[in-house]
C-alpha atoms as a PDB file:
ATOM      1  CA  UNK A   1     -59.552   8.106 -13.860  1.00  0.00           C
ATOM      2  CA  UNK A   2     -60.061   5.378 -11.968  1.00  0.00           C
ATOM      3  CA  UNK A   3     -60.714   7.762  -8.219  1.00  0.00           C
ATOM      4  CA  UNK A   4     -63.573   9.771 -10.205  1.00  0.00           C
ATOM      5  CA  UNK A   5     -65.044   7.225 -12.902  1.00  0.00           C
ATOM      6  CA  UNK A   6     -65.788   3.412 -12.131  1.00  0.00           C
ATOM      7  CA  UNK A   7     -65.862   2.607 -16.025  1.00  0.00           C
ATOM      8  CA  UNK A   8     -62.278   4.007 -16.299  1.00  0.00           C
ATOM      9  CA  UNK A   9     -61.360   0.968 -17.898  1.00  0.00           C
ATOM     10  CA  UNK A  10     -63.694   0.942 -20.822  1.00  0.00           C
ATOM     11  CA  UNK A  11     -62.305   4.331 -21.841  1.00  0.00           C
ATOM     12  CA  UNK A  12     -59.136   3.137 -23.441  1.00  0.00           C
ATOM     13  CA  UNK A  13     -60.985   0.626 -25.181  1.00  0.00           C
ATOM     14  CA  UNK A  14     -62.364   3.636 -27.190  1.00  0.00           C
ATOM     15  CA  UNK A  15     -60.434   5.313 -29.754  1.00  0.00           C
ATOM     16  CA  UNK A  16     -61.973   8.854 -29.061  1.00  0.00           C
ATOM     17  CA  UNK A  17     -60.747   8.629 -25.499  1.00  0.00           C
ATOM     18  CA  UNK A  18     -57.404   7.042 -26.327  1.00  0.00           C
ATOM     19  CA  UNK A  19     -56.954  10.085 -28.786  1.00  0.00           C
ATOM     20  CA  UNK A  20     -58.180  12.905 -26.333  1.00  0.00           C
ATOM     21  CA  UNK A  21     -55.658  11.640 -23.988  1.00  0.00           C
ATOM     22  CA  UNK A  22     -52.839  11.331 -26.450  1.00  0.00           C
ATOM     23  CA  UNK A  23     -53.343  14.911 -27.724  1.00  0.00           C
ATOM     24  CA  UNK A  24     -53.207  15.996 -24.367  1.00  0.00           C
ATOM     25  CA  UNK A  25     -49.982  14.446 -23.544  1.00  0.00           C
ATOM     26  CA  UNK A  26     -48.842  15.835 -26.601  1.00  0.00           C
ATOM     27  CA  UNK A  27     -49.655  19.479 -25.971  1.00  0.00           C
ATOM     28  CA  UNK A  28     -49.339  19.494 -22.401  1.00  0.00           C
ATOM     29  CA  UNK A  29     -46.761  16.743 -21.518  1.00  0.00           C
ATOM     30  CA  UNK A  30     -47.183  13.471 -19.422  1.00  0.00           C
ATOM     31  CA  UNK A  31     -45.766  15.057 -16.076  1.00  0.00           C
ATOM     32  CA  UNK A  32     -48.421  17.526 -16.606  1.00  0.00           C
ATOM     33  CA  UNK A  33     -50.985  15.791 -17.038  1.00  0.00           C
ATOM     34  CA  UNK A  34     -50.440  13.307 -14.437  1.00  0.00           C
ATOM     35  CA  UNK A  35     -50.507  16.307 -12.423  1.00  0.00           C
ATOM     36  CA  UNK A  36     -53.896  16.991 -13.830  1.00  0.00           C
ATOM     37  CA  UNK A  37     -54.977  13.373 -13.285  1.00  0.00           C
ATOM     38  CA  UNK A  38     -53.514  13.086  -9.610  1.00  0.00           C
ATOM     39  CA  UNK A  39     -55.224  16.501  -8.358  1.00  0.00           C
ATOM     40  CA  UNK A  40     -58.699  16.254 -10.451  1.00  0.00           C
ATOM     41  CA  UNK A  41     -60.598  13.784  -7.598  1.00  0.00           C
ATOM     42  CA  UNK A  42     -60.278  16.847  -5.139  1.00  0.00           C
ATOM     43  CA  UNK A  43     -60.569  19.659  -7.951  1.00  0.00           C
ATOM     44  CA  UNK A  44     -63.721  18.407  -9.025  1.00  0.00           C
ATOM     45  CA  UNK A  45     -65.208  17.988  -5.912  1.00  0.00           C
ATOM     46  CA  UNK A  46     -65.223  21.638  -5.101  1.00  0.00           C
ATOM     47  CA  UNK A  47     -68.545  24.229  -5.726  1.00  0.00           C
ATOM     48  CA  UNK A  48     -68.368  25.295  -9.545  1.00  0.00           C
ATOM     49  CA  UNK A  49     -65.712  23.099 -10.782  1.00  0.00           C
ATOM     50  CA  UNK A  50     -66.150  21.699 -13.977  1.00  0.00           C
ATOM     51  CA  UNK A  51     -67.184  18.556 -14.329  1.00  0.00           C
ATOM     52  CA  UNK A  52     -64.373  16.011 -15.690  1.00  0.00           C
ATOM     53  CA  UNK A  53     -64.913  12.199 -15.543  1.00  0.00           C
ATOM     54  CA  UNK A  54     -63.310  11.197 -18.666  1.00  0.00           C
ATOM     55  CA  UNK A  55     -60.096  12.123 -21.489  1.00  0.00           C
ATOM     56  CA  UNK A  56     -62.499  13.329 -23.771  1.00  0.00           C
ATOM     57  CA  UNK A  57     -64.079  15.968 -21.289  1.00  0.00           C
ATOM     58  CA  UNK A  58     -60.765  16.661 -20.131  1.00  0.00           C
ATOM     59  CA  UNK A  59     -59.763  17.562 -23.531  1.00  0.00           C
ATOM     60  CA  UNK A  60     -62.830  19.570 -24.184  1.00  0.00           C
ATOM     61  CA  UNK A  61     -63.332  21.192 -20.790  1.00  0.00           C
ATOM     62  CA  UNK A  62     -59.232  22.202 -20.177  1.00  0.00           C
ATOM     63  CA  UNK A  63     -59.808  25.811 -20.439  1.00  0.00           C
ATOM     64  CA  UNK A  64     -62.636  25.371 -18.016  1.00  0.00           C
ATOM     65  CA  UNK A  65     -60.553  23.630 -15.865  1.00  0.00           C
ATOM     66  CA  UNK A  66     -57.347  26.558 -16.224  1.00  0.00           C
ATOM     67  CA  UNK A  67     -60.219  29.534 -15.624  1.00  0.00           C
ATOM     68  CA  UNK A  68     -61.546  27.484 -12.580  1.00  0.00           C
ATOM     69  CA  UNK A  69     -58.302  26.874 -11.487  1.00  0.00           C
ATOM     70  CA  UNK A  70     -56.890  30.522 -11.132  1.00  0.00           C
ATOM     71  CA  UNK A  71     -60.291  31.582  -9.444  1.00  0.00           C
ATOM     72  CA  UNK A  72     -59.266  29.139  -7.054  1.00  0.00           C
ATOM     73  CA  UNK A  73     -55.943  30.563  -6.864  1.00  0.00           C
ATOM     74  CA  UNK A  74     -56.954  34.094  -6.344  1.00  0.00           C
ATOM     75  CA  UNK A  75     -59.610  33.759  -3.776  1.00  0.00           C
ATOM     76  CA  UNK A  76     -57.165  31.822  -1.772  1.00  0.00           C
ATOM     77  CA  UNK A  77     -54.988  35.122  -1.658  1.00  0.00           C
ATOM     78  CA  UNK A  78     -52.381  33.526  -4.222  1.00  0.00           C
ATOM     79  CA  UNK A  79     -52.426  29.681  -3.432  1.00  0.00           C
ATOM     80  CA  UNK A  80     -53.145  27.425  -5.955  1.00  0.00           C
ATOM     81  CA  UNK A  81     -55.317  24.458  -5.741  1.00  0.00           C
ATOM     82  CA  UNK A  82     -53.018  22.159  -8.091  1.00  0.00           C
ATOM     83  CA  UNK A  83     -49.171  21.378  -6.428  1.00  0.00           C
END
């Protein structure tokens, strides 16, 4: 979360933020979470993208993020914005 939130280092002091990331890794796998985090700075700059700047927000807005990515994919003729 470093590229999108300058206070990222405080997240892991808070149990709620750590737990959210742990649940995401358990549900999606470490590789997929790393991919999402790598692409997130580029995604959230797009108009109408869900604003996500913490692990807890990522967990709670994951459905919105997936929907947004699918919409972008269909708008771009099948080209996904997450590689």
